[in-house]
Amino acid sequence: MAVETVASDRRCRLAGEVYNRRVLDTTHPERPTPDGPVNLRGPVLAQIGELGSDYHEWVHRPIRVPSGVRIFRSDRLERLSRNPWWVVPLIWAPVVAALAISSIVQGVSYPALGPRLIGGLIVWMVIEYVLHRFVFHYRPRSAAARRVHFLLHGVHHLVPEDPRRLVFPPVPAAIIAATLFGAVRLLLPLPDTCAVMAGLLTGYISYDLIHYYVHHGRPRSRVGRFLQRYHLMHHFTDPTRMFGVSQPLLDLLGGTFGPRTRRPGRAP
């Protein structure tokens, strides 16, 4: 398995500052942990639970593994954990259309549909920020929590250029979408719920596609280049800030916009 740091990658240089550290692998035993190094050639999920306090630092040392790391022993679970980017619009665009049409059929007028769609987009913006900041970047304290964190987001920070682990798998996405639908339904009538969810899922589709594009695309527009540089700085400069992927507005409101500045005389 070819493994290398991503410090030499062109996209890392766009971030302005990159990690220049050794890769944790059995071929690099100079960085041991209390329980031994993680073998990236085998299923890693069973190993990372025992990393203890070293896990947080380890998972934020990005590496490049062309074939991706293997998470599960089960071939079926491993296949389910890998998804091409086009799965997202293929599955969710028809759902958005069905929800929007359903809301209209149930009595939501065309002029009233727009504000509900926009409301759903705003709800997604909040969900995107809250999930990324407080769920995907929480510090796990137990072995089980470390495994959950790795599945949710840690693997993406460890191997950020893996193209098949950049978008959310359909099954957990469907569970979350159904939960959100139920929560919105508690607050709104069914026609309005369908319209709001259409806007919310449009935001989700945009988020996942933008996320893939900033890692693997070559944006030419000023906005595209900004979003790419902004997100790569989250990966390679300061993973404790810059949580917005599709937009930085909530970072501005939440005080996490841009990398953390150091005070003069302070150690990094």
Protein backbone atom coordinates (compact mmCIF):
# COMPACT_ATOMS: atom_id res chain seq x y z
CA MET A 1 0.00 0.00 0.00
CA ALA A 2 1.50 3.34 -1.05
CA VAL A 3 1.22 5.89 1.73
CA GLU A 4 2.60 9.41 1.77
CA THR A 5 2.01 12.70 3.47
CA VAL A 6 -0.14 15.18 1.60
CA ALA A 7 2.23 18.05 2.33
CA SER A 8 3.49 18.02 -1.28
CA ASP A 9 0.04 18.08 -2.83
CA ARG A 10 -0.91 21.12 -4.90
CA ARG A 11 -4.18 21.48 -3.05
CA CYS A 12 -2.38 21.61 0.28
CA ARG A 13 -0.26 24.49 -0.92
CA LEU A 14 -3.46 26.40 -1.68
CA ALA A 15 -4.18 26.38 2.04
CA GLY A 16 -1.13 28.49 2.73
CA GLU A 17 0.14 26.28 5.54
CA VAL A 18 0.40 22.49 5.62
CA TYR A 19 1.29 19.69 7.95
CA ASN A 20 4.87 18.50 7.57
CA ARG A 21 4.76 15.42 9.75
CA ARG A 22 5.48 11.74 9.39
CA VAL A 23 2.78 9.29 8.40
CA LEU A 24 1.60 6.87 11.04
CA ASP A 25 1.98 3.43 9.49
CA THR A 26 3.70 0.15 10.18
CA THR A 27 6.39 1.27 7.75
CA HIS A 28 6.96 4.31 9.97
CA PRO A 29 7.28 2.81 13.47
CA GLU A 30 9.07 5.90 14.77
CA ARG A 31 5.73 7.31 15.95
CA PRO A 32 4.47 4.68 18.38
CA THR A 33 1.42 4.99 20.57
CA PRO A 34 0.96 3.36 23.98
CA ASP A 35 -0.65 0.40 22.21
CA GLY A 36 1.50 0.34 19.08
CA PRO A 37 1.12 2.00 15.67
CA VAL A 38 -1.98 1.60 13.54
CA ASN A 39 -1.55 -0.79 10.65
CA LEU A 40 -3.09 0.97 7.67
CA ARG A 41 -2.90 -2.20 5.62
CA GLY A 42 -5.57 -3.89 7.71
CA PRO A 43 -9.03 -2.84 8.95
CA VAL A 44 -8.34 0.23 11.07
CA LEU A 45 -11.64 0.54 12.97
CA ALA A 46 -10.76 -2.20 15.44
CA GLN A 47 -7.36 -0.60 16.09
CA ILE A 48 -8.12 3.05 16.65
CA GLY A 49 -10.22 2.49 19.75
CA GLU A 50 -7.03 1.77 21.67
CA LEU A 51 -5.14 4.88 20.56
CA GLY A 52 -6.30 6.69 23.67
CA SER A 53 -5.40 10.37 23.91
CA ASP A 54 -3.18 10.04 20.81
CA TYR A 55 -6.22 9.55 18.58
CA HIS A 56 -7.08 13.23 18.10
CA GLU A 57 -3.58 14.15 16.97
CA TRP A 58 -3.24 11.04 14.82
CA VAL A 59 -6.48 11.49 12.91
CA HIS A 60 -5.60 15.10 12.03
CA ARG A 61 -2.29 14.16 10.37
CA PRO A 62 -3.51 13.87 6.77
CA ILE A 63 -2.03 11.20 4.53
CA ARG A 64 -2.53 10.10 0.97
CA VAL A 65 -3.43 6.46 0.35
CA PRO A 66 -4.42 6.09 -3.34
CA SER A 67 -6.67 3.10 -2.66
CA GLY A 68 -8.04 4.50 0.60
CA VAL A 69 -7.75 2.87 4.00
CA ARG A 70 -9.79 -0.18 4.83
CA ILE A 71 -12.17 0.46 7.73
CA PHE A 72 -14.11 -2.79 8.16
CA ARG A 73 -13.24 -6.46 8.13
CA SER A 74 -16.55 -7.15 6.37
CA ASP A 75 -16.36 -6.70 2.59
CA ARG A 76 -20.04 -5.73 2.49
CA LEU A 77 -19.67 -2.98 5.09
CA GLU A 78 -16.52 -1.77 3.37
CA ARG A 79 -18.38 -1.45 0.06
CA LEU A 80 -21.25 0.42 1.73
CA SER A 81 -18.79 2.90 3.24
CA ARG A 82 -17.53 3.94 -0.22
CA ASN A 83 -19.74 6.10 -2.42
CA PRO A 84 -19.08 8.02 -5.65
CA TRP A 85 -20.17 11.66 -5.63
CA TRP A 86 -22.94 11.17 -8.19
CA VAL A 87 -24.91 8.94 -5.81
CA VAL A 88 -26.03 12.07 -3.94
CA PRO A 89 -27.90 13.84 -6.78
CA LEU A 90 -29.03 10.51 -8.23
CA ILE A 91 -30.87 9.59 -5.03
CA TRP A 92 -31.79 12.92 -3.48
CA ALA A 93 -32.72 15.13 -6.45
CA PRO A 94 -35.83 13.01 -7.16
CA VAL A 95 -36.72 13.16 -3.46
CA VAL A 96 -36.50 16.96 -3.55
CA ALA A 97 -38.71 17.08 -6.65
CA ALA A 98 -41.24 14.71 -5.08
CA LEU A 99 -41.41 16.77 -1.88
CA ALA A 100 -41.86 20.05 -3.77
CA ILE A 101 -44.57 18.59 -6.01
CA SER A 102 -46.29 17.01 -3.01
CA SER A 103 -46.42 20.33 -1.20
CA ILE A 104 -48.00 21.99 -4.24
CA VAL A 105 -50.52 19.20 -4.69
CA GLN A 106 -51.47 19.53 -1.03
CA GLY A 107 -52.23 23.22 -1.42
CA VAL A 108 -49.00 25.25 -1.11
CA SER A 109 -49.16 27.95 -3.78
CA TYR A 110 -46.23 28.73 -6.06
CA PRO A 111 -45.60 32.14 -4.42
CA ALA A 112 -45.66 30.49 -0.98
CA LEU A 113 -43.32 27.68 -2.04
CA GLY A 114 -40.30 29.95 -2.46
CA PRO A 115 -40.10 31.24 1.14
CA ARG A 116 -40.50 27.70 2.46
CA LEU A 117 -37.70 26.44 0.24
CA ILE A 118 -35.48 29.29 1.41
CA GLY A 119 -36.42 28.50 5.00
CA GLY A 120 -35.32 24.91 4.43
CA LEU A 121 -32.01 26.09 2.98
CA ILE A 122 -31.40 28.26 6.05
CA VAL A 123 -32.20 25.33 8.32
CA TRP A 124 -29.65 23.25 6.40
CA MET A 125 -26.99 25.95 6.81
CA VAL A 126 -27.45 25.77 10.57
CA ILE A 127 -27.41 21.96 10.56
CA GLU A 128 -24.25 21.89 8.43
CA TYR A 129 -22.41 24.15 10.86
CA VAL A 130 -23.68 22.56 14.07
CA LEU A 131 -22.98 19.01 12.88
CA HIS A 132 -19.51 19.84 11.63
CA ARG A 133 -18.45 21.86 14.65
CA PHE A 134 -20.06 20.05 17.57
CA VAL A 135 -20.60 16.48 16.34
CA PHE A 136 -17.93 15.78 13.73
CA HIS A 137 -15.25 17.57 15.76
CA TYR A 138 -16.05 16.50 19.29
CA ARG A 139 -13.17 14.92 21.23
CA PRO A 140 -14.03 11.28 21.96
CA ARG A 141 -13.08 9.97 25.39
CA SER A 142 -13.75 6.25 25.06
CA ALA A 143 -12.70 3.54 22.61
CA ALA A 144 -16.27 3.21 21.33
CA ALA A 145 -16.59 6.97 20.88
CA ARG A 146 -13.33 7.08 18.94
CA ARG A 147 -14.63 4.45 16.55
CA VAL A 148 -17.89 6.36 16.05
CA HIS A 149 -15.98 9.59 15.46
CA PHE A 150 -13.71 7.90 12.92
CA LEU A 151 -16.71 6.59 11.00
CA LEU A 152 -18.49 9.95 11.07
CA HIS A 153 -15.62 12.23 10.13
CA GLY A 154 -12.21 11.06 11.31
CA VAL A 155 -11.49 8.97 8.23
CA HIS A 156 -12.05 12.04 6.05
CA HIS A 157 -9.48 14.06 7.99
CA LEU A 158 -7.01 11.19 7.93
CA VAL A 159 -7.35 10.61 4.16
CA PRO A 160 -8.96 13.85 2.89
CA GLU A 161 -8.38 13.09 -0.80
CA ASP A 162 -10.19 9.71 -0.83
CA PRO A 163 -12.85 10.40 -3.51
CA ARG A 164 -15.21 7.66 -2.30
CA ARG A 165 -15.41 8.86 1.28
CA LEU A 166 -16.29 12.49 0.65
CA VAL A 167 -20.09 12.28 0.43
CA PHE A 168 -22.46 10.88 3.03
CA PRO A 169 -23.56 7.26 2.46
CA PRO A 170 -27.25 6.95 1.43
CA VAL A 171 -28.45 4.73 4.29
CA PRO A 172 -27.39 6.94 7.24
CA ALA A 173 -28.37 10.01 5.19
CA ALA A 174 -31.88 8.56 4.79
CA ILE A 175 -32.13 7.90 8.53
CA ILE A 176 -31.12 11.48 9.32
CA ALA A 177 -33.49 12.87 6.67
CA ALA A 178 -36.41 10.87 8.07
CA THR A 179 -35.61 12.09 11.58
CA LEU A 180 -35.50 15.70 10.38
CA PHE A 181 -38.77 15.24 8.50
CA GLY A 182 -40.41 14.03 11.71
CA ALA A 183 -39.01 16.96 13.69
CA VAL A 184 -40.24 19.53 11.15
CA ARG A 185 -43.61 17.78 10.98
CA LEU A 186 -44.04 18.37 14.72
CA LEU A 187 -43.85 22.11 14.04
CA LEU A 188 -45.58 22.51 10.68
CA PRO A 189 -48.50 21.08 8.70
CA LEU A 190 -47.61 18.33 6.24
CA PRO A 191 -47.70 20.51 3.06
CA ASP A 192 -45.32 23.03 4.64
CA THR A 193 -43.13 20.24 5.98
CA CYS A 194 -42.70 18.84 2.49
CA ALA A 195 -41.75 22.27 1.11
CA VAL A 196 -39.25 23.01 3.90
CA MET A 197 -37.68 19.56 3.56
CA ALA A 198 -37.31 20.11 -0.20
CA GLY A 199 -35.27 23.24 0.56
CA LEU A 200 -33.31 21.51 3.32
CA LEU A 201 -32.36 18.57 1.09
CA THR A 202 -31.42 20.96 -1.71
CA GLY A 203 -28.98 22.48 0.76
CA TYR A 204 -27.65 19.04 1.61
CA ILE A 205 -27.11 18.13 -2.05
CA SER A 206 -25.29 21.42 -2.62
CA TYR A 207 -23.13 20.83 0.45
CA ASP A 208 -22.01 17.35 -0.58
CA LEU A 209 -21.30 18.35 -4.18
CA ILE A 210 -19.38 21.46 -3.11
CA HIS A 211 -17.45 19.35 -0.62
CA TYR A 212 -16.42 16.94 -3.35
CA TYR A 213 -15.57 19.77 -5.74
CA VAL A 214 -13.30 21.68 -3.35
CA HIS A 215 -11.28 18.51 -2.84
CA HIS A 216 -11.12 17.31 -6.45
CA GLY A 217 -12.19 20.16 -8.71
CA ARG A 218 -10.26 23.00 -10.29
CA PRO A 219 -12.46 26.03 -9.64
CA ARG A 220 -11.97 29.01 -11.93
CA SER A 221 -14.36 31.47 -10.32
CA ARG A 222 -13.36 33.68 -7.41
CA VAL A 223 -16.07 32.16 -5.22
CA GLY A 224 -15.00 28.61 -6.09
CA ARG A 225 -11.34 29.33 -5.37
CA PHE A 226 -12.28 30.96 -2.06
CA LEU A 227 -14.39 27.98 -0.95
CA GLN A 228 -11.63 25.55 -1.94
CA ARG A 229 -8.92 27.46 -0.10
CA TYR A 230 -11.18 28.03 2.90
CA HIS A 231 -12.05 24.36 3.32
CA LEU A 232 -8.51 23.14 2.72
CA MET A 233 -7.32 25.50 5.43
CA HIS A 234 -9.73 23.68 7.76
CA HIS A 235 -7.97 20.42 6.88
CA PHE A 236 -4.36 21.52 6.70
CA THR A 237 -4.07 24.63 8.86
CA ASP A 238 -6.60 24.63 11.69
CA PRO A 239 -9.23 21.85 12.01
CA THR A 240 -10.72 23.60 15.05
CA ARG A 241 -12.12 26.42 12.88
CA MET A 242 -13.63 27.12 9.44
CA PHE A 243 -16.46 24.57 9.69
CA GLY A 244 -18.57 25.95 6.86
CA VAL A 245 -18.16 24.01 3.62
CA SER A 246 -20.83 25.43 1.32
CA GLN A 247 -20.56 28.93 2.83
CA PRO A 248 -18.70 30.70 5.68
CA LEU A 249 -21.61 32.76 7.05
CA LEU A 250 -22.15 30.65 10.18
CA ASP A 251 -18.40 30.75 10.87
CA LEU A 252 -18.64 34.53 10.89
CA LEU A 253 -21.58 34.41 13.29
CA GLY A 254 -20.03 31.64 15.41
CA GLY A 255 -16.60 33.21 15.79
CA THR A 256 -14.79 30.46 13.86
CA PHE A 257 -14.04 32.32 10.63
CA GLY A 258 -10.46 31.95 9.42
CA PRO A 259 -7.52 30.29 11.16
CA ARG A 260 -6.80 31.03 14.77
CA THR A 261 -4.44 33.99 15.11
CA ARG A 262 -1.48 33.77 17.46
CA ARG A 263 -0.69 36.55 19.86
CA PRO A 264 2.86 37.94 19.70
CA GLY A 265 5.19 35.95 21.90
CA ARG A 266 2.79 33.03 22.17
CA ALA A 267 3.82 29.55 21.10
CA PRO A 268 1.73 28.02 18.29
